[in-house]
């Protein structure tokens, strides 16, 4: 109401209606005859995300349909996630429930909230995972970067970044888009005003999402947070993605990276590229740092049907072991930080919660690679390392495509001990210092008795401070380069390199690119 500060609240749901009504054929119904009646709207089968995580600050429009001051442009806009369990390196909405209490960011990152004019760089992302981009935001927003985050994740309501206005792509067709979807996407955005202002497109999960943006001539940052063939798992799709990734890597200004060493080595194995390593480190709030006031040792989620058996074994070693769900159900970072330590039986080589827990200074326990193999052989504990194991439930003996060089261990050989041990050494728990490893259940009992947890925590915090500073500096270096930037660390084993004549190269690039 003009002058009275009264507003009408509209929630446009994409997943149904609270009330459905029936109507005769006409403007709002498609029944075939006047006798037939048709329900206009499908009823909601689940809660609308925006109603679950209601934003404390609403976008307010005046009579001129312009956003009024005091809306979503204020402090905290598009802030990084707060207290959420974005646990998976594989996919926050695919493999597990998330147990932290939701404290959503007050401001979303949809179209109305982006202020391009004041930004140094504008970044577009429409990932299926909320945590990877959230951690990057926490490092880059202070550098003047604005994000257009149109998340396709099932947990997008936790960060208020759901892709309500994303054209063409949906959670159903976005992971593995067919040729028609890709064509329609390019057609929808080739003259889009918002897209025209975007400088960089970042693709994390799936990293192959960047294929769709190749014709739009944006800087493409492919940053794998899991196996990079996600959504392109068939041999033909994977080979085509490899060709496109090589093309992306050659274009000045683009970036091929990974947030963990395993996936960097994995990409190198299949493409010859040597990705930049950009870990997903995040600065945690002081209130969420390690206190260790509880003697309990938390048990991180174990993603195997043998989880109950493992937890029972841990209880027999010490009653101090308590699963996160057993102790808390829903929890906050500060609650986790009260515990003496946390034990991980890795189901994956890199998960986002490990970055958080390490940055909080919570001492971490993990089996040695050899003991992990023993557990994996008996109990199938690391069952989300390969896509075939996830899709079929079977441990694969190899990959559907060959690596660039013969004689190397196949990373997707999950039944050979030597191959497993060669590749698992690149997992985060074996790359980061000060993680307490145990080589047997008996050794775990010894570690509980002898470890000085406060010393371990202090050493972890010293390392992570240096790691965050280094990662932040690397991002600054990448962003501050001109369009001719081509990272020295991205190389191809066959010696290929970007063409010196940019116009010629771009012409050749558009002719040779294989999109569909």
Protein backbone atom coordinates (compact mmCIF):
# COMPACT_ATOMS: atom_id res chain seq x y z
CA UNK A 1 0.00 0.00 0.00
CA UNK A 2 1.54 3.27 -1.13
CA UNK A 3 2.77 5.29 1.84
CA UNK A 4 1.58 2.80 4.45
CA UNK A 5 4.39 0.23 4.35
CA UNK A 6 1.94 -2.57 3.60
CA UNK A 7 2.97 -5.21 1.08
CA UNK A 8 1.54 -8.33 -0.48
CA UNK A 9 3.77 -11.40 -0.18
CA UNK A 10 3.96 -13.59 -3.27
CA UNK A 11 5.51 -17.05 -3.25
CA UNK A 12 5.66 -18.54 -6.73
CA UNK A 13 6.15 -22.26 -6.24
CA UNK A 14 7.68 -24.40 -8.96
CA UNK A 15 6.67 -27.65 -7.28
CA UNK A 16 2.93 -27.29 -6.78
CA UNK A 17 0.21 -25.33 -5.02
CA UNK A 18 -1.16 -25.25 -1.47
CA UNK A 19 -4.68 -25.19 -2.86
CA UNK A 20 -5.83 -26.59 -6.20
CA UNK A 21 -9.10 -25.54 -7.80
CA UNK A 22 -11.25 -26.85 -10.60
CA UNK A 23 -12.46 -24.72 -13.48
CA UNK A 24 -14.31 -24.92 -16.74
CA UNK A 25 -12.25 -24.68 -19.96
CA UNK A 26 -11.00 -21.24 -20.74
CA UNK A 27 -7.95 -19.09 -20.18
CA UNK A 28 -6.84 -21.00 -17.09
CA UNK A 29 -7.83 -24.56 -17.99
CA UNK A 30 -7.17 -26.96 -20.85
CA UNK A 31 -10.06 -29.39 -20.64
CA UNK A 32 -11.38 -30.69 -23.94
CA UNK A 33 -15.04 -29.83 -23.45
CA UNK A 34 -17.30 -27.78 -21.26
CA UNK A 35 -18.39 -30.96 -19.53
CA UNK A 36 -14.84 -31.81 -18.45
CA UNK A 37 -13.36 -30.03 -15.53
CA UNK A 38 -9.64 -29.85 -14.92
CA UNK A 39 -7.65 -29.03 -11.81
CA UNK A 40 -5.43 -26.06 -12.56
CA UNK A 41 -2.58 -26.85 -10.18
CA UNK A 42 -0.88 -29.94 -8.88
CA UNK A 43 -0.91 -30.01 -5.10
CA UNK A 44 2.34 -29.74 -3.17
CA UNK A 45 3.74 -33.11 -2.17
CA UNK A 46 6.45 -31.56 0.01
CA UNK A 47 7.07 -28.29 1.78
CA UNK A 48 8.06 -25.37 -0.44
CA UNK A 49 11.73 -24.63 0.45
CA UNK A 50 11.23 -20.87 0.83
CA UNK A 51 8.57 -21.52 3.48
CA UNK A 52 10.88 -23.87 5.39
CA UNK A 53 13.76 -21.39 5.42
CA UNK A 54 11.86 -18.13 5.50
CA UNK A 55 14.19 -15.18 4.82
CA UNK A 56 14.35 -12.61 7.63
CA UNK A 57 14.72 -9.80 5.07
CA UNK A 58 12.27 -9.64 2.20
CA UNK A 59 12.65 -8.03 -1.19
CA UNK A 60 10.24 -5.10 -1.32
CA UNK A 61 9.02 -3.55 -4.57
CA UNK A 62 7.47 -0.10 -4.86
CA UNK A 63 4.69 1.07 -7.15
CA UNK A 64 7.24 1.57 -9.89
CA UNK A 65 8.17 -2.15 -9.65
CA UNK A 66 11.70 -1.21 -8.60
CA UNK A 67 13.38 -2.81 -5.59
CA UNK A 68 13.12 -0.47 -2.62
CA UNK A 69 16.09 0.31 -0.37
CA UNK A 70 16.49 -1.93 2.65
CA UNK A 71 15.79 -5.03 0.59
CA UNK A 72 18.36 -7.68 -0.36
CA UNK A 73 21.19 -5.35 -1.22
CA UNK A 74 22.18 -4.75 2.40
CA UNK A 75 24.97 -6.28 4.48
CA UNK A 76 25.19 -10.02 4.34
CA UNK A 77 23.80 -10.37 0.83
CA UNK A 78 24.63 -13.77 -0.60
CA UNK A 79 26.81 -14.57 2.39
CA UNK A 80 28.47 -17.94 2.64
CA UNK A 81 26.54 -20.71 4.35
CA UNK A 82 26.35 -20.64 8.10
CA UNK A 83 25.49 -23.71 10.14
CA UNK A 84 24.68 -26.39 7.61
CA UNK A 85 25.89 -29.92 7.09
CA UNK A 86 26.98 -29.86 3.47
CA UNK A 87 28.84 -33.08 4.02
CA UNK A 88 29.37 -34.61 0.65
CA UNK A 89 32.10 -34.19 -1.87
CA UNK A 90 29.85 -36.27 -4.09
CA UNK A 91 26.60 -34.38 -3.92
CA UNK A 92 24.80 -32.73 -1.09
CA UNK A 93 21.39 -33.80 -2.30
CA UNK A 94 22.22 -37.27 -3.56
CA UNK A 95 23.81 -39.34 -0.85
CA UNK A 96 22.79 -38.30 2.61
CA UNK A 97 20.58 -36.34 4.92
CA UNK A 98 22.01 -33.18 6.44
CA UNK A 99 21.81 -32.85 10.15
CA UNK A 100 22.73 -29.32 11.12
CA UNK A 101 20.09 -26.90 12.18
CA UNK A 102 19.37 -24.57 9.26
CA UNK A 103 20.43 -20.97 9.78
CA UNK A 104 20.02 -19.69 6.22
CA UNK A 105 21.75 -16.65 4.86
CA UNK A 106 19.45 -13.64 5.09
CA UNK A 107 19.91 -12.77 1.47
CA UNK A 108 19.62 -14.97 -1.57
CA UNK A 109 21.51 -14.67 -4.79
CA UNK A 110 18.79 -14.56 -7.36
CA UNK A 111 18.52 -12.06 -10.16
CA UNK A 112 17.13 -9.16 -8.13
CA UNK A 113 19.99 -9.18 -5.63
CA UNK A 114 22.98 -8.80 -7.91
CA UNK A 115 24.57 -5.36 -8.10
CA UNK A 116 26.92 -5.65 -11.06
CA UNK A 117 27.85 -1.98 -11.21
CA UNK A 118 29.76 -2.09 -7.92
CA UNK A 119 31.42 -5.47 -8.44
CA UNK A 120 34.96 -6.11 -9.59
CA UNK A 121 33.98 -9.46 -11.08
CA UNK A 122 30.66 -11.18 -11.56
CA UNK A 123 30.50 -14.97 -11.31
CA UNK A 124 27.71 -17.27 -12.47
CA UNK A 125 27.10 -20.73 -11.00
CA UNK A 126 24.20 -23.19 -11.16
CA UNK A 127 25.60 -26.19 -9.31
CA UNK A 128 24.00 -29.26 -7.78
CA UNK A 129 26.01 -28.70 -4.57
CA UNK A 130 25.74 -25.73 -2.24
CA UNK A 131 28.89 -26.10 -0.13
CA UNK A 132 31.67 -25.86 -2.70
CA UNK A 133 30.54 -22.53 -4.10
CA UNK A 134 29.68 -21.28 -0.59
CA UNK A 135 33.28 -21.77 0.55
CA UNK A 136 34.58 -19.99 -2.54
CA UNK A 137 32.19 -17.11 -1.88
CA UNK A 138 33.60 -16.69 1.60
CA UNK A 139 37.06 -16.10 0.10
CA UNK A 140 36.09 -14.07 -2.97
CA UNK A 141 33.33 -11.75 -1.84
CA UNK A 142 35.83 -9.62 0.13
CA UNK A 143 37.79 -9.29 -3.13
CA UNK A 144 34.84 -7.56 -4.80
CA UNK A 145 33.29 -10.60 -6.48
CA UNK A 146 29.51 -10.79 -6.89
CA UNK A 147 27.83 -14.16 -7.43
CA UNK A 148 24.78 -15.10 -9.45
CA UNK A 149 24.00 -18.39 -7.73
CA UNK A 150 21.11 -20.32 -9.25
CA UNK A 151 21.50 -23.56 -7.38
CA UNK A 152 19.96 -26.80 -8.62
CA UNK A 153 20.72 -28.57 -5.35
CA UNK A 154 17.95 -30.14 -3.32
CA UNK A 155 19.38 -28.22 -0.35
CA UNK A 156 19.40 -24.80 -2.02
CA UNK A 157 16.84 -23.51 0.49
CA UNK A 158 19.52 -23.79 3.19
CA UNK A 159 21.45 -20.97 1.52
CA UNK A 160 18.49 -19.27 -0.15
CA UNK A 161 20.01 -19.76 -3.60
CA UNK A 162 17.38 -21.89 -5.37
CA UNK A 163 17.25 -21.51 -9.15
CA UNK A 164 13.70 -20.20 -9.37
CA UNK A 165 14.44 -18.08 -12.44
CA UNK A 166 17.00 -20.28 -14.20
CA UNK A 167 16.01 -20.81 -17.80
CA UNK A 168 15.75 -24.27 -19.39
CA UNK A 169 17.82 -26.21 -16.82
CA UNK A 170 16.08 -28.03 -13.98
CA UNK A 171 17.14 -30.52 -11.31
CA UNK A 172 15.77 -33.20 -13.62
CA UNK A 173 17.60 -32.30 -16.84
CA UNK A 174 20.62 -30.34 -15.58
CA UNK A 175 22.96 -33.14 -14.57
CA UNK A 176 23.04 -34.88 -17.95
CA UNK A 177 21.42 -32.50 -20.46
CA UNK A 178 20.63 -33.87 -23.90
CA UNK A 179 21.43 -32.01 -27.12
CA UNK A 180 18.02 -30.35 -27.25
CA UNK A 181 18.37 -29.03 -23.70
CA UNK A 182 21.85 -27.69 -24.45
CA UNK A 183 20.65 -25.96 -27.62
CA UNK A 184 17.71 -24.38 -25.82
CA UNK A 185 19.96 -23.23 -23.00
CA UNK A 186 22.33 -21.44 -25.37
CA UNK A 187 19.42 -19.90 -27.24
CA UNK A 188 17.87 -18.68 -23.99
CA UNK A 189 21.04 -17.02 -22.72
CA UNK A 190 22.92 -15.84 -25.80
CA UNK A 191 21.23 -12.43 -25.58
CA UNK A 192 20.22 -12.53 -21.92
CA UNK A 193 20.93 -9.19 -20.20
CA UNK A 194 22.02 -10.73 -16.92
CA UNK A 195 24.31 -13.23 -18.61
CA UNK A 196 25.83 -10.41 -20.67
CA UNK A 197 27.15 -8.85 -17.44
CA UNK A 198 28.73 -12.09 -16.20
CA UNK A 199 32.53 -12.30 -16.38
CA UNK A 200 33.17 -15.86 -15.17
CA UNK A 201 31.19 -19.10 -15.02
CA UNK A 202 32.29 -21.50 -12.28
CA UNK A 203 31.37 -25.18 -12.46
CA UNK A 204 32.02 -27.42 -9.46
CA UNK A 205 29.40 -30.14 -9.23
CA UNK A 206 29.15 -31.28 -11.92
CA UNK A 207 32.24 -29.68 -13.40
CA UNK A 208 30.97 -30.75 -16.83
CA UNK A 209 28.26 -28.09 -16.50
CA UNK A 210 30.75 -25.72 -18.14
CA UNK A 211 30.21 -27.52 -21.46
CA UNK A 212 26.88 -25.72 -21.80
CA UNK A 213 28.50 -22.28 -21.52
CA UNK A 214 31.22 -22.78 -24.14
CA UNK A 215 29.25 -21.07 -26.98
CA UNK A 216 28.49 -18.09 -24.70
CA UNK A 217 32.17 -17.04 -24.71
CA UNK A 218 32.57 -16.54 -20.97
CA UNK A 219 35.66 -17.27 -18.91
CA UNK A 220 35.12 -20.80 -17.68
CA UNK A 221 36.45 -22.04 -14.34
CA UNK A 222 36.13 -25.83 -14.19
CA UNK A 223 36.78 -26.73 -10.54
CA UNK A 224 36.16 -30.40 -9.81
CA UNK A 225 35.04 -31.27 -6.28
CA UNK A 226 34.44 -34.92 -7.16
CA UNK A 227 35.14 -37.20 -10.12
CA UNK A 228 34.90 -34.83 -13.04
CA UNK A 229 32.89 -37.19 -15.31
CA UNK A 230 29.81 -36.79 -13.09
CA UNK A 231 26.86 -36.59 -15.48
CA UNK A 232 29.06 -37.89 -18.32
CA UNK A 233 29.76 -41.42 -17.06
CA UNK A 234 29.24 -43.37 -20.29
CA UNK A 235 32.35 -43.98 -22.38
CA UNK A 236 31.10 -41.83 -25.29
CA UNK A 237 29.97 -38.92 -23.12
CA UNK A 238 33.16 -39.04 -21.07
CA UNK A 239 35.41 -38.96 -24.15
CA UNK A 240 33.45 -36.05 -25.57
CA UNK A 241 33.76 -34.20 -22.25
CA UNK A 242 37.52 -34.82 -22.31
CA UNK A 243 37.74 -33.20 -25.73
CA UNK A 244 35.78 -30.20 -24.55
CA UNK A 245 37.80 -29.91 -21.36
CA UNK A 246 40.99 -29.81 -23.39
CA UNK A 247 39.47 -27.06 -25.52
CA UNK A 248 38.43 -25.13 -22.40
CA UNK A 249 41.95 -25.42 -20.97
CA UNK A 250 43.51 -23.95 -24.11
CA UNK A 251 41.45 -20.78 -24.18
CA UNK A 252 43.12 -17.79 -22.49
CA UNK A 253 41.40 -16.78 -19.29
CA UNK A 254 39.94 -20.18 -18.51
CA UNK A 255 40.87 -22.36 -15.55
CA UNK A 256 40.93 -26.10 -14.90
CA UNK A 257 41.24 -26.87 -11.20
CA UNK A 258 40.21 -29.23 -8.41
CA UNK A 259 39.51 -28.65 -4.74
CA UNK A 260 41.49 -31.74 -3.71
CA UNK A 261 44.61 -33.54 -4.88
CA UNK A 262 42.82 -36.80 -5.67
CA UNK A 263 40.58 -35.18 -8.27
CA UNK A 264 43.47 -33.15 -9.67
CA UNK A 265 45.45 -36.37 -10.20
CA UNK A 266 42.32 -38.08 -11.52
CA UNK A 267 41.81 -35.44 -14.22
CA UNK A 268 45.48 -35.64 -15.11
CA UNK A 269 45.22 -39.43 -15.47
CA UNK A 270 42.45 -39.20 -18.08
CA UNK A 271 43.32 -35.97 -19.90
CA UNK A 272 47.00 -35.15 -19.38
CA UNK A 273 46.00 -31.80 -17.89
CA UNK A 274 47.55 -30.73 -14.61
CA UNK A 275 44.81 -28.83 -12.78
CA UNK A 276 45.42 -26.01 -10.32
CA UNK A 277 44.81 -27.12 -6.73
CA UNK A 278 42.27 -24.82 -5.03
CA UNK A 279 41.18 -26.44 -1.74
CA UNK A 280 37.80 -25.49 -0.29
CA UNK A 281 39.22 -23.98 2.88
CA UNK A 282 36.96 -21.68 4.86
CA UNK A 283 37.52 -19.35 7.80
CA UNK A 284 35.30 -20.40 10.68
CA UNK A 285 33.75 -18.06 13.24
CA UNK A 286 35.60 -17.69 16.53
CA UNK A 287 32.52 -18.97 18.37
CA UNK A 288 32.78 -22.25 16.43
CA UNK A 289 36.39 -23.06 17.24
CA UNK A 290 37.51 -26.15 19.13
CA UNK A 291 37.00 -26.25 22.90
CA UNK A 292 37.06 -30.01 23.58
CA UNK A 293 35.12 -29.62 26.81
CA UNK A 294 33.42 -32.99 26.24
CA UNK A 295 35.25 -36.33 26.48
CA UNK A 296 33.07 -37.71 23.69
CA UNK A 297 34.62 -38.69 20.37
CA UNK A 298 32.13 -38.21 17.56
CA UNK A 299 31.70 -40.78 14.81
CA UNK A 300 31.21 -39.12 11.43
CA UNK A 301 28.55 -40.61 9.11
CA UNK A 302 29.55 -44.03 7.77
CA UNK A 303 27.98 -44.72 4.37
CA UNK A 304 27.84 -48.50 4.30
CA UNK A 305 25.33 -51.15 5.28
CA UNK A 306 27.92 -52.28 7.83
CA UNK A 307 27.81 -48.94 9.67
CA UNK A 308 26.05 -50.42 12.70
CA UNK A 309 28.67 -53.15 12.95
CA UNK A 310 31.51 -50.60 12.86
CA UNK A 311 29.85 -48.36 15.44
CA UNK A 312 29.38 -51.37 17.71
CA UNK A 313 33.08 -52.17 17.37
CA UNK A 314 34.00 -48.59 18.26
CA UNK A 315 31.78 -48.74 21.35
CA UNK A 316 33.59 -51.89 22.45
CA UNK A 317 36.90 -50.00 22.22
CA UNK A 318 35.62 -47.04 24.23
CA UNK A 319 32.22 -45.79 25.41
CA UNK A 320 33.43 -42.31 24.47
CA UNK A 321 32.53 -42.98 20.82
CA UNK A 322 29.15 -41.54 19.89
CA UNK A 323 27.72 -41.07 16.43
CA UNK A 324 26.76 -37.52 15.49
CA UNK A 325 23.15 -38.50 14.97
CA UNK A 326 23.03 -40.36 18.28
CA UNK A 327 24.31 -37.38 20.23
CA UNK A 328 22.68 -34.48 18.44
CA UNK A 329 20.34 -35.28 15.62
CA UNK A 330 20.53 -31.68 14.43
CA UNK A 331 23.58 -29.74 15.51
CA UNK A 332 25.60 -26.56 15.14
CA UNK A 333 29.30 -26.04 14.52
CA UNK A 334 29.84 -24.90 18.10
CA UNK A 335 28.31 -28.14 19.37
CA UNK A 336 30.71 -30.20 17.26
CA UNK A 337 33.63 -28.14 18.58
CA UNK A 338 32.83 -29.14 22.16
CA UNK A 339 33.86 -32.75 21.53
CA UNK A 340 37.30 -34.19 22.13
CA UNK A 341 37.74 -35.47 18.56
CA UNK A 342 35.92 -36.93 15.57
CA UNK A 343 36.65 -40.20 13.79
CA UNK A 344 36.15 -40.67 10.05
CA UNK A 345 35.86 -44.03 8.32
CA UNK A 346 36.14 -42.49 4.83
CA UNK A 347 33.42 -43.30 2.32
CA UNK A 348 34.85 -40.76 -0.13
CA UNK A 349 38.22 -39.13 -0.80
CA UNK A 350 37.14 -35.53 -0.20
CA UNK A 351 34.11 -34.23 1.68
CA UNK A 352 33.18 -30.68 2.55
CA UNK A 353 32.60 -31.33 6.26
CA UNK A 354 36.26 -32.36 6.64
CA UNK A 355 37.36 -28.87 5.50
CA UNK A 356 35.06 -27.35 8.13
CA UNK A 357 36.07 -29.65 10.98
CA UNK A 358 39.76 -29.20 10.26
CA UNK A 359 39.36 -25.41 10.12
CA UNK A 360 37.59 -25.53 13.49
CA UNK A 361 40.59 -27.35 14.98
CA UNK A 362 38.67 -30.52 15.91
CA UNK A 363 41.20 -33.38 16.10
CA UNK A 364 40.46 -35.96 13.42
CA UNK A 365 41.06 -39.72 13.56
CA UNK A 366 41.22 -41.90 10.44
CA UNK A 367 42.47 -45.40 9.55
CA UNK A 368 45.77 -45.68 7.70
CA UNK A 369 45.46 -46.41 3.97
CA UNK A 370 46.34 -50.07 4.55
CA UNK A 371 43.77 -50.47 7.33
CA UNK A 372 41.18 -48.63 5.24
CA UNK A 373 41.75 -51.18 2.48
CA UNK A 374 41.24 -53.98 5.00
CA UNK A 375 37.97 -52.43 6.14
CA UNK A 376 36.92 -51.79 2.55
CA UNK A 377 37.55 -55.40 1.56
CA UNK A 378 35.52 -56.71 4.49
CA UNK A 379 32.84 -54.06 4.91
CA UNK A 380 32.73 -52.02 1.66
CA UNK A 381 33.32 -48.76 3.56
CA UNK A 382 34.72 -46.52 0.80
CA UNK A 383 31.74 -47.06 -1.44
CA UNK A 384 31.37 -43.60 -2.98
CA UNK A 385 34.80 -43.27 -4.59
CA UNK A 386 33.68 -44.49 -8.03
CA UNK A 387 30.52 -43.70 -9.96
CA UNK A 388 30.03 -47.33 -11.01
CA UNK A 389 29.91 -48.44 -7.38
CA UNK A 390 27.36 -45.72 -6.65
CA UNK A 391 25.19 -46.55 -9.67
CA UNK A 392 25.33 -50.34 -9.65
CA UNK A 393 26.37 -51.33 -6.15
CA UNK A 394 29.30 -53.31 -7.62
CA UNK A 395 32.96 -52.56 -7.08
CA UNK A 396 34.47 -51.98 -10.53
CA UNK A 397 37.70 -53.48 -11.84
CA UNK A 398 38.46 -50.54 -14.10
CA UNK A 399 37.27 -47.47 -16.01
CA UNK A 400 35.14 -47.42 -19.16
CA UNK A 401 37.87 -45.36 -20.89
CA UNK A 402 41.65 -45.58 -20.82
CA UNK A 403 44.03 -43.12 -19.23
CA UNK A 404 46.38 -41.04 -21.37
CA UNK A 405 49.38 -43.22 -20.52
CA UNK A 406 49.60 -46.99 -20.21
CA UNK A 407 51.01 -48.85 -17.24
CA UNK A 408 49.43 -46.69 -14.57
CA UNK A 409 47.05 -47.87 -11.86
CA UNK A 410 43.43 -47.40 -12.89
CA UNK A 411 41.75 -45.10 -10.34
CA UNK A 412 38.44 -46.92 -10.82
CA UNK A 413 39.89 -50.35 -10.11
CA UNK A 414 38.26 -50.93 -6.75
CA UNK A 415 39.19 -54.59 -6.34
CA UNK A 416 42.98 -54.40 -6.68
CA UNK A 417 44.84 -53.56 -3.48
CA UNK A 418 47.79 -51.86 -5.18
CA UNK A 419 45.54 -49.64 -7.31
CA UNK A 420 43.44 -48.73 -4.27
CA UNK A 421 46.47 -47.83 -2.15
CA UNK A 422 48.09 -45.86 -4.98
CA UNK A 423 45.05 -43.66 -5.44
CA UNK A 424 43.75 -43.35 -1.90
CA UNK A 425 47.03 -41.75 -0.81
CA UNK A 426 45.76 -38.58 -2.53
CA UNK A 427 42.65 -38.40 -0.31
CA UNK A 428 42.40 -35.35 1.94
CA UNK A 429 42.82 -37.33 5.18
CA UNK A 430 46.21 -38.56 3.93
CA UNK A 431 47.38 -35.25 2.46
CA UNK A 432 46.70 -32.94 5.39
CA UNK A 433 49.11 -33.02 8.35
CA UNK A 434 48.20 -33.65 12.00
CA UNK A 435 45.38 -36.12 11.30
CA UNK A 436 45.74 -38.96 13.80
CA UNK A 437 45.95 -42.28 11.94
CA UNK A 438 45.51 -45.77 13.39
CA UNK A 439 46.60 -49.02 11.70
CA UNK A 440 44.29 -51.38 13.62
CA UNK A 441 41.52 -51.34 16.22
CA UNK A 442 44.16 -52.06 18.85
CA UNK A 443 46.19 -49.09 17.64
CA UNK A 444 43.09 -46.91 17.84
CA UNK A 445 42.76 -47.77 21.52
CA UNK A 446 46.39 -46.76 22.03
CA UNK A 447 45.87 -43.45 20.24
CA UNK A 448 42.95 -42.64 22.55
CA UNK A 449 45.16 -43.14 25.58
CA UNK A 450 48.29 -41.34 24.37
CA UNK A 451 47.21 -38.46 22.12
CA UNK A 452 47.37 -34.90 23.43
CA UNK A 453 44.31 -33.50 21.69
CA UNK A 454 45.00 -29.86 22.50
CA UNK A 455 48.43 -30.06 20.89
CA UNK A 456 46.95 -31.71 17.82
CA UNK A 457 44.29 -28.99 17.58
CA UNK A 458 46.85 -26.19 17.86
CA UNK A 459 48.98 -27.76 15.10
CA UNK A 460 45.93 -28.12 12.86
CA UNK A 461 44.96 -24.47 13.34
CA UNK A 462 48.48 -23.33 12.53
CA UNK A 463 48.45 -25.30 9.30
CA UNK A 464 44.98 -24.25 8.20
CA UNK A 465 45.75 -20.56 8.71
CA UNK A 466 48.66 -20.86 6.30
CA UNK A 467 46.57 -22.97 3.91
CA UNK A 468 43.73 -20.42 3.82
CA UNK A 469 46.16 -17.55 3.23
CA UNK A 470 47.81 -19.48 0.41
CA UNK A 471 44.49 -20.40 -1.22
CA UNK A 472 43.24 -16.82 -0.93
CA UNK A 473 46.44 -15.53 -2.54
CA UNK A 474 46.09 -18.04 -5.37
CA UNK A 475 42.54 -16.83 -6.03
CA UNK A 476 43.74 -13.22 -6.07
CA UNK A 477 46.41 -14.14 -8.60
CA UNK A 478 43.87 -15.90 -10.80
CA UNK A 479 41.27 -13.12 -10.67
CA UNK A 480 43.74 -10.30 -11.21
CA UNK A 481 45.04 -11.72 -14.46
CA UNK A 482 43.89 -10.22 -17.75
CA UNK A 483 41.88 -12.15 -20.30
CA UNK A 484 45.17 -13.49 -21.59
CA UNK A 485 45.68 -15.35 -18.32
CA UNK A 486 46.61 -19.00 -18.80
CA UNK A 487 47.81 -20.68 -15.58
CA UNK A 488 51.32 -22.08 -15.80
CA UNK A 489 50.17 -25.07 -13.80
CA UNK A 490 47.61 -26.11 -16.42
CA UNK A 491 49.53 -28.08 -18.98
CA UNK A 492 48.92 -30.86 -21.44
CA UNK A 493 51.37 -33.71 -21.65
CA UNK A 494 51.32 -33.72 -25.44
CA UNK A 495 52.76 -30.19 -25.51
CA UNK A 496 49.70 -28.40 -26.88
CA UNK A 497 49.28 -24.77 -25.82
CA UNK A 498 46.96 -21.81 -26.47
CA UNK A 499 47.33 -20.24 -29.90
CA UNK A 500 49.23 -16.94 -29.92
CA UNK A 501 46.76 -15.36 -32.33
CA UNK A 502 43.60 -15.09 -30.21
CA UNK A 503 41.26 -14.35 -33.11
CA UNK A 504 42.58 -17.30 -35.07
CA UNK A 505 42.44 -19.52 -32.03
CA UNK A 506 38.83 -18.59 -31.20
CA UNK A 507 37.81 -19.27 -34.78
CA UNK A 508 39.48 -22.67 -34.70
CA UNK A 509 38.05 -23.30 -31.26
CA UNK A 510 34.43 -22.73 -32.29
CA UNK A 511 34.91 -25.01 -35.29
CA UNK A 512 36.50 -27.82 -33.34
CA UNK A 513 34.47 -27.76 -30.14
CA UNK A 514 32.26 -30.81 -29.56
CA UNK A 515 29.25 -29.75 -27.55
CA UNK A 516 26.61 -32.25 -28.37
